[in-house]
Each structure stands twice: as C-alpha cells, then as structure tokens.
Amino acid sequence: MLDPSLFGRLPFTPAEPVEGPLPAGRNHLHISTERDAVLFVPTALGALDPVPLFVMFHGAGGFPEKVLPFLEAHAERDKFLILAPHSTYATWDIVIGGSGPDLERLQQALVEVTSHYRIDNRRIAFAGFSDGASYALSIGITNGNIASHVIAFSGGFMSVFMQEGAPEVFIAHGLRDEQLPIETSGRANAGKLKAAGYNVQYVEFDGLHVIEPDVVSMAVQFFLK
C-alpha cells in the first residue's frame, strides 16, 4: 500500500500542549537550521483557551517575513496565531513535482505549535498567495479533516488525489492578473470546487498578481465568522 503522504495526506492530530506559550511577536520554530518556519503570536493571548490557527504559505521565491505583514495586525486584533512555513526550495514541493519535504516540515511545524497552544479545531486555515495558494488549495482539500478553511489569494491550480472532510473555501483573484490569468485559475478553481459541493466564497478584485489588503480583511472575516 502506498504511503498516504505521497498523495499529500498529513498524519497530524491536534494534541494538548505540553510546553509553555511562546513570547509575543515572531518566533522561529527551529524546524530547520535554514528556511525555518515562523509563528506569530499576538500579545495577551490566553494560555488555556483554544486559539485559531492561520497557516500562510508564501509565493514562489518568497519567505515567511514577506507575507506576515499582511496578517499580523489582524492576528493582533482578533487574537489568532499565524504559522508561516518556509518552502524547502524556491517554491513548494507540490509545484515542482509532488508532495515531499514541505509536507514533512509542515507536519513538524504543526506538532510544534500544538505543543505550546491548544488549537481551535474549528478554525484552522490553510492559506497562501500565488504558488502558496496552489499549495493551500491542494493540501487543504486533501486534508479537510484538519483544515476547517482553505484560503487562496491568486492561486494557480489544485493537485488533489484524495479528498477528506469539507473545508470552507475562500478564493480571490485579480481581474488583471498578469501571471496567472483569472479565467484558467481563480474562476476555474472556484467552479470545480463548487461543482464538487464545497461551500466557496469567490471574490474578484480589480488588480494584478498581488495580495490585496482589503481582500485579506474579507478572508480573515470569513475565517473567524
């Protein structure tokens, strides 16, 4: 029998925290000596209350610190954690050729986060921008028993071989996207998921291939409602 991880399946199961909370702000998780995952912790976060977790995958050639600024003010206001993994290579493994080291490191990062915090299982988002959005769609739909929400900012495609659960889906795409044309990416992805029975909120905005702050606000509201 083939290893489910080859199809993008995560073995992650949320557990009770066994270590104390981390300092407020950005914390490296020491998953790797290079290209490490970062966890943003808002101030005055309750130590015992279940907390939402927003996992944000950067775009090709990006890094955690490039996407965190779009979300940190929201996390500070609404008191949720942001986990920003770092791809092993220039982009995510599934874009290059299939699930591999990035899935393994995501598993390690999730385990590390839950060793410090009790996570609200009803609010775990897999989100991303561009290649990171393609990764979020692929891994999120595959692991809908873990991800309650899947959020794609200007994603390109989905690679899904196994489907589990029924996460809520938010897809946003720029009408003038010069890298990933909306017709063959955002609209196509939203249409496929709607046809498959998923609850999809689809947003088109008048812009290029960018993270639009107003759209991020909509996505956060979608995540926390």
Protein backbone atom coordinates (compact mmCIF):
# COMPACT_ATOMS: atom_id res chain seq x y z
CA MET A 1 0.00 0.00 0.00
CA LEU A 2 1.36 3.43 -0.94
CA ASP A 3 2.28 5.91 1.76
CA PRO A 4 -0.63 8.43 2.05
CA SER A 5 1.91 11.25 2.33
CA LEU A 6 2.70 10.70 -1.36
CA PHE A 7 -0.82 11.96 -2.04
CA GLY A 8 -0.45 14.92 0.32
CA ARG A 9 -2.05 13.41 3.41
CA LEU A 10 -0.88 14.72 6.78
CA PRO A 11 -0.83 12.41 9.83
CA PHE A 12 -1.30 15.41 12.13
CA THR A 13 -3.66 15.07 15.09
CA PRO A 14 -4.07 18.06 17.43
CA ALA A 15 -2.87 17.30 20.95
CA GLU A 16 -2.87 19.00 24.33
CA PRO A 17 0.06 21.42 24.84
CA VAL A 18 2.95 20.14 26.94
CA GLU A 19 5.11 23.28 26.88
CA GLY A 20 4.53 26.89 27.83
CA PRO A 21 3.41 29.64 25.44
CA LEU A 22 5.93 31.48 23.27
CA PRO A 23 6.72 35.21 23.50
CA ALA A 24 4.50 37.64 21.63
CA GLY A 25 5.74 38.50 18.15
CA ARG A 26 7.61 36.40 15.61
CA ASN A 27 9.12 33.11 16.81
CA HIS A 28 11.31 30.77 14.77
CA LEU A 29 10.23 27.19 15.42
CA HIS A 30 13.65 25.60 14.74
CA ILE A 31 12.17 23.05 12.36
CA SER A 32 15.20 23.58 10.16
CA THR A 33 18.53 25.36 10.51
CA GLU A 34 17.77 27.13 7.22
CA ARG A 35 14.45 28.34 5.80
CA ASP A 36 12.72 27.90 9.14
CA ALA A 37 9.00 28.23 9.88
CA VAL A 38 7.86 31.32 11.81
CA LEU A 39 4.99 31.56 14.29
CA PHE A 40 3.46 34.95 15.03
CA VAL A 41 1.92 35.17 18.50
CA PRO A 42 -0.34 38.14 19.38
CA THR A 43 0.00 39.91 22.72
CA ALA A 44 -2.18 38.96 25.68
CA LEU A 45 -3.12 35.60 24.22
CA GLY A 46 -4.95 33.37 26.68
CA ALA A 47 -2.80 30.45 27.75
CA LEU A 48 -5.62 27.92 28.09
CA ASP A 49 -8.35 29.00 25.68
CA PRO A 50 -8.43 27.29 22.25
CA VAL A 51 -6.92 29.65 19.69
CA PRO A 52 -7.50 29.80 15.91
CA LEU A 53 -4.52 28.98 13.68
CA PHE A 54 -3.94 30.63 10.30
CA VAL A 55 -1.28 28.82 8.22
CA MET A 56 0.05 31.11 5.46
CA PHE A 57 2.17 29.78 2.57
CA HIS A 58 4.30 32.35 0.72
CA GLY A 59 4.58 32.69 -3.05
CA ALA A 60 7.41 31.42 -5.27
CA GLY A 61 10.74 32.92 -4.25
CA GLY A 62 9.15 34.26 -1.07
CA PHE A 63 9.67 33.72 2.63
CA PRO A 64 7.60 34.00 5.84
CA GLU A 65 8.53 37.60 6.56
CA LYS A 66 7.16 38.63 3.17
CA VAL A 67 3.59 37.51 3.89
CA LEU A 68 3.33 38.01 7.65
CA PRO A 69 2.85 41.82 7.47
CA PHE A 70 -0.45 41.33 5.62
CA LEU A 71 -1.88 39.37 8.55
CA GLU A 72 -0.18 40.42 11.78
CA ALA A 73 -2.47 43.38 12.56
CA HIS A 74 -5.49 41.10 12.09
CA ALA A 75 -3.97 38.45 14.35
CA GLU A 76 -3.16 41.06 16.98
CA ARG A 77 -6.70 42.43 16.94
CA ASP A 78 -8.58 39.12 16.73
CA LYS A 79 -6.11 37.01 18.74
CA PHE A 80 -5.17 34.17 16.43
CA LEU A 81 -1.84 32.51 15.64
CA ILE A 82 -0.13 32.75 12.24
CA LEU A 83 2.11 29.90 11.17
CA ALA A 84 4.24 30.87 8.17
CA PRO A 85 6.21 27.88 6.85
CA HIS A 86 9.20 28.31 4.52
CA SER A 87 9.42 26.14 1.40
CA THR A 88 12.45 23.85 1.22
CA TYR A 89 13.30 25.09 -2.26
CA ALA A 90 12.40 28.23 -4.24
CA THR A 91 8.75 27.14 -4.28
CA TRP A 92 6.57 24.43 -2.77
CA ASP A 93 7.27 20.77 -3.47
CA ILE A 94 3.86 20.09 -4.98
CA VAL A 95 4.51 22.76 -7.62
CA ILE A 96 7.85 21.18 -8.52
CA GLY A 97 6.79 17.56 -8.70
CA GLY A 98 4.76 16.22 -5.79
CA SER A 99 4.42 16.09 -2.02
CA GLY A 100 7.71 15.62 -0.19
CA PRO A 101 9.88 17.63 2.21
CA ASP A 102 7.47 20.57 2.56
CA LEU A 103 4.68 18.28 3.72
CA GLU A 104 7.00 16.69 6.27
CA ARG A 105 8.12 20.09 7.57
CA LEU A 106 4.52 21.30 7.75
CA GLN A 107 3.71 18.27 9.90
CA GLN A 108 6.64 19.09 12.20
CA ALA A 109 5.62 22.74 12.45
CA LEU A 110 2.01 21.88 13.31
CA VAL A 111 3.17 19.48 16.03
CA GLU A 112 5.47 22.17 17.44
CA VAL A 113 2.68 24.76 17.51
CA THR A 114 0.30 22.42 19.30
CA SER A 115 2.98 21.61 21.87
CA HIS A 116 2.63 25.24 23.02
CA TYR A 117 -1.03 26.08 22.33
CA ARG A 118 -4.44 24.47 22.43
CA ILE A 119 -5.73 24.96 18.88
CA ASP A 120 -9.37 25.60 18.00
CA ASN A 121 -10.02 22.71 15.61
CA ARG A 122 -13.00 24.60 14.12
CA ARG A 123 -10.68 27.36 12.90
CA ILE A 124 -7.54 26.03 11.22
CA ALA A 125 -6.91 27.75 7.89
CA PHE A 126 -4.55 26.65 5.16
CA ALA A 127 -3.96 29.81 3.14
CA GLY A 128 -1.46 31.15 0.64
CA PHE A 129 -0.54 33.52 -2.14
CA SER A 130 0.26 32.51 -5.75
CA ASP A 131 2.21 29.21 -5.61
CA GLY A 132 1.43 29.20 -1.90
CA ALA A 133 -2.27 29.44 -2.73
CA SER A 134 -1.94 26.47 -5.08
CA TYR A 135 -0.29 24.62 -2.20
CA ALA A 136 -3.02 25.67 0.26
CA LEU A 137 -5.78 24.53 -2.11
CA SER A 138 -4.05 21.20 -2.77
CA ILE A 139 -3.10 20.37 0.81
CA GLY A 140 -6.22 21.91 2.33
CA ILE A 141 -8.72 19.98 0.22
CA THR A 142 -6.67 16.81 0.68
CA ASN A 143 -6.66 17.32 4.46
CA GLY A 144 -10.12 18.78 5.04
CA ASN A 145 -10.32 16.79 8.25
CA ILE A 146 -7.57 19.10 9.59
CA ALA A 147 -8.16 22.38 7.73
CA SER A 148 -11.54 23.91 8.52
CA HIS A 149 -10.89 26.69 5.99
CA VAL A 150 -8.90 26.93 2.76
CA ILE A 151 -7.98 30.42 1.54
CA ALA A 152 -6.36 31.10 -1.83
CA PHE A 153 -5.06 34.52 -2.84
CA SER A 154 -4.38 34.45 -6.60
CA GLY A 155 -3.67 30.73 -6.79
CA GLY A 156 -2.88 28.82 -9.96
CA PHE A 157 -4.03 25.22 -9.66
CA MET A 158 -5.07 22.35 -7.41
CA SER A 159 -3.40 18.94 -7.22
CA VAL A 160 -5.79 16.71 -5.29
CA PHE A 161 -5.73 12.90 -5.36
CA MET A 162 -7.55 12.27 -2.09
CA GLN A 163 -10.32 14.35 -0.52
CA GLU A 164 -11.15 14.40 3.16
CA GLY A 165 -13.70 16.47 5.03
CA ALA A 166 -15.43 19.58 3.69
CA PRO A 167 -13.49 22.76 4.49
CA GLU A 168 -14.96 26.19 3.80
CA VAL A 169 -13.18 27.74 0.79
CA PHE A 170 -12.31 31.37 0.02
CA ILE A 171 -10.77 32.17 -3.37
CA ALA A 172 -9.75 35.66 -4.52
CA HIS A 173 -8.21 36.64 -7.84
CA GLY A 174 -7.31 39.84 -9.65
CA LEU A 175 -9.13 40.64 -12.88
CA ARG A 176 -5.87 41.92 -14.37
CA ASP A 177 -3.57 39.19 -13.03
CA GLU A 178 -0.63 39.22 -15.42
CA GLN A 179 0.94 35.96 -14.16
CA LEU A 180 -1.99 33.61 -13.61
CA PRO A 181 -4.95 34.56 -15.85
CA ILE A 182 -8.18 34.60 -13.88
CA GLU A 183 -10.17 32.53 -16.35
CA THR A 184 -7.89 29.47 -16.13
CA SER A 185 -7.00 29.79 -12.44
CA GLY A 186 -9.27 31.61 -9.98
CA ARG A 187 -12.51 31.09 -11.87
CA ALA A 188 -11.62 27.53 -12.85
CA ASN A 189 -10.67 26.53 -9.30
CA ALA A 190 -13.80 28.08 -7.80
CA GLY A 191 -16.00 26.41 -10.41
CA LYS A 192 -14.51 22.96 -9.83
CA LEU A 193 -14.93 23.18 -6.07
CA LYS A 194 -18.49 24.50 -6.28
CA ALA A 195 -19.34 21.66 -8.67
CA ALA A 196 -17.87 19.19 -6.16
CA GLY A 197 -20.18 20.51 -3.44
CA TYR A 198 -17.82 22.75 -1.47
CA ASN A 199 -19.04 25.99 0.08
CA VAL A 200 -16.97 28.57 -1.84
CA GLN A 201 -16.79 32.34 -1.38
CA TYR A 202 -15.27 33.67 -4.59
CA VAL A 203 -14.01 37.24 -4.90
CA GLU A 204 -12.70 39.05 -7.96
CA PHE A 205 -10.89 42.36 -7.48
CA ASP A 206 -9.64 44.97 -9.91
CA GLY A 207 -5.93 44.33 -9.60
CA LEU A 208 -2.81 42.50 -10.67
CA HIS A 209 -1.00 39.49 -9.17
CA VAL A 210 -0.80 40.90 -5.66
CA ILE A 211 -2.05 40.39 -2.12
CA GLU A 212 -4.80 42.98 -1.76
CA PRO A 213 -5.20 44.19 1.89
CA ASP A 214 -8.96 44.69 1.58
CA VAL A 215 -9.31 41.12 0.32
CA VAL A 216 -7.19 39.85 3.21
CA SER A 217 -9.65 41.55 5.58
CA MET A 218 -12.52 39.74 3.88
CA ALA A 219 -10.67 36.43 4.15
CA VAL A 220 -9.98 36.90 7.86
CA GLN A 221 -13.67 37.67 8.48
CA PHE A 222 -14.54 34.53 6.51
CA PHE A 223 -12.11 32.53 8.65
CA LEU A 224 -13.37 33.81 12.01
CA LYS A 225 -17.12 34.05 11.40
